[in-house]
Amino acid sequence: MRNIGPVQAVVTATEYDRGPTAAELDAIDAEMPLISAEVELLDAQIIVLDRVPSEVDERRLRRARRRVLAARRELANLSAAAFVPEVGA
C-alpha cells in the first residue's frame, strides 16, 4: 500500500494565494479618495436611473463629478511628483 501525502506545491501557498503586500496596500490607500469619489458618483447615478433628475439630483451629480475630477487630479499630481527629481540636489 502507498502512502498518500500532500504534494508540496499544493500545500505551499502560491504567489496568487497570498494577501496584498505592503506596497500594494499603500497604493490602495493612496487611491482611496478617488475610489470613494467614484462610489459616490455611482450612487448618485443609480439614484436617477429610473426617474427624471430633480434639481437636487442634478446638483448631487455635478458635485460627485467634480469630486471625481479633483481626486483624479490629486492622484495624478502625486504620481507626477514622485517622478520629478529635486532641483539643485
Protein backbone atom coordinates (compact mmCIF):
# COMPACT_ATOMS: atom_id res chain seq x y z
CA MET A 1 0.00 0.00 0.00
CA ARG A 2 1.26 3.50 -0.90
CA ASN A 3 1.34 6.41 1.47
CA ILE A 4 -0.91 9.20 0.41
CA GLY A 5 0.67 12.56 1.19
CA PRO A 6 0.21 16.11 0.05
CA VAL A 7 2.28 17.37 -2.80
CA GLN A 8 4.48 20.22 -1.63
CA ALA A 9 3.37 22.63 -4.37
CA VAL A 10 -0.27 22.22 -3.40
CA VAL A 11 0.36 22.76 0.31
CA THR A 12 2.58 25.82 -0.12
CA ALA A 13 0.73 29.00 -0.97
CA THR A 14 1.41 30.23 -4.45
CA GLU A 15 2.08 33.85 -5.27
CA TYR A 16 -1.57 34.40 -6.13
CA ASP A 17 -2.86 32.89 -2.89
CA ARG A 18 -1.11 35.38 -0.64
CA GLY A 19 -2.62 38.62 0.57
CA PRO A 20 -1.59 42.02 -0.72
CA THR A 21 1.90 43.28 0.02
CA ALA A 22 2.62 46.43 1.99
CA ALA A 23 3.36 48.28 -1.26
CA GLU A 24 0.04 47.19 -2.75
CA LEU A 25 -1.81 48.28 0.39
CA ASP A 26 -0.04 51.67 0.24
CA ALA A 27 -1.10 52.07 -3.40
CA ILE A 28 -4.71 51.26 -2.49
CA ASP A 29 -4.54 53.71 0.39
CA ALA A 30 -3.24 56.44 -1.94
CA GLU A 31 -6.11 55.78 -4.37
CA MET A 32 -8.82 55.60 -1.68
CA PRO A 33 -10.04 59.22 -2.15
CA LEU A 34 -10.59 58.50 -5.86
CA ILE A 35 -12.32 55.21 -5.10
CA SER A 36 -14.63 56.90 -2.60
CA ALA A 37 -15.44 59.71 -5.05
CA GLU A 38 -16.23 57.21 -7.81
CA VAL A 39 -18.51 55.24 -5.47
CA GLU A 40 -20.31 58.46 -4.56
CA LEU A 41 -20.75 59.29 -8.27
CA LEU A 42 -22.06 55.81 -8.94
CA ASP A 43 -24.55 56.15 -6.08
CA ALA A 44 -25.78 59.45 -7.50
CA GLN A 45 -26.15 57.92 -10.96
CA ILE A 46 -28.06 54.93 -9.59
CA ILE A 47 -30.49 57.22 -7.78
CA VAL A 48 -31.54 58.90 -11.03
CA LEU A 49 -31.67 55.78 -13.19
CA ASP A 50 -35.41 55.29 -13.14
CA ARG A 51 -36.65 58.85 -12.77
CA VAL A 52 -36.15 62.32 -14.11
CA PRO A 53 -33.44 64.02 -12.05
CA SER A 54 -34.67 66.82 -9.83
CA GLU A 55 -32.64 69.95 -9.22
CA VAL A 56 -31.19 68.40 -6.08
CA ASP A 57 -30.25 65.25 -8.02
CA GLU A 58 -28.52 67.34 -10.68
CA ARG A 59 -26.54 69.17 -8.02
CA ARG A 60 -25.59 65.88 -6.42
CA LEU A 61 -24.37 64.54 -9.78
CA ARG A 62 -22.37 67.70 -10.54
CA ARG A 63 -20.82 67.67 -7.08
CA ALA A 64 -19.91 63.97 -7.40
CA ARG A 65 -18.36 64.52 -10.86
CA ARG A 66 -16.30 67.42 -9.51
CA ARG A 67 -15.08 65.29 -6.62
CA VAL A 68 -14.01 62.53 -9.01
CA LEU A 69 -12.13 65.01 -11.18
CA ALA A 70 -10.48 66.61 -8.15
CA ALA A 71 -9.44 63.20 -6.78
CA ARG A 72 -8.03 62.19 -10.18
CA ARG A 73 -6.11 65.47 -10.37
CA GLU A 74 -4.66 64.98 -6.89
CA LEU A 75 -3.66 61.40 -7.67
CA ALA A 76 -2.05 62.46 -10.96
CA ASN A 77 -0.15 65.25 -9.19
CA LEU A 78 1.08 62.81 -6.54
CA SER A 79 2.21 60.37 -9.22
CA ALA A 80 3.93 63.10 -11.21
CA ALA A 81 5.64 64.49 -8.11
CA ALA A 82 7.05 61.06 -7.32
CA PHE A 83 8.97 61.03 -10.62
CA VAL A 84 10.25 64.60 -10.63
CA PRO A 85 13.81 64.87 -9.35
CA GLU A 86 14.60 67.70 -6.95
CA VAL A 87 16.39 70.66 -8.50
CA GLY A 88 19.79 71.53 -7.07
CA ALA A 89 20.31 68.15 -5.45
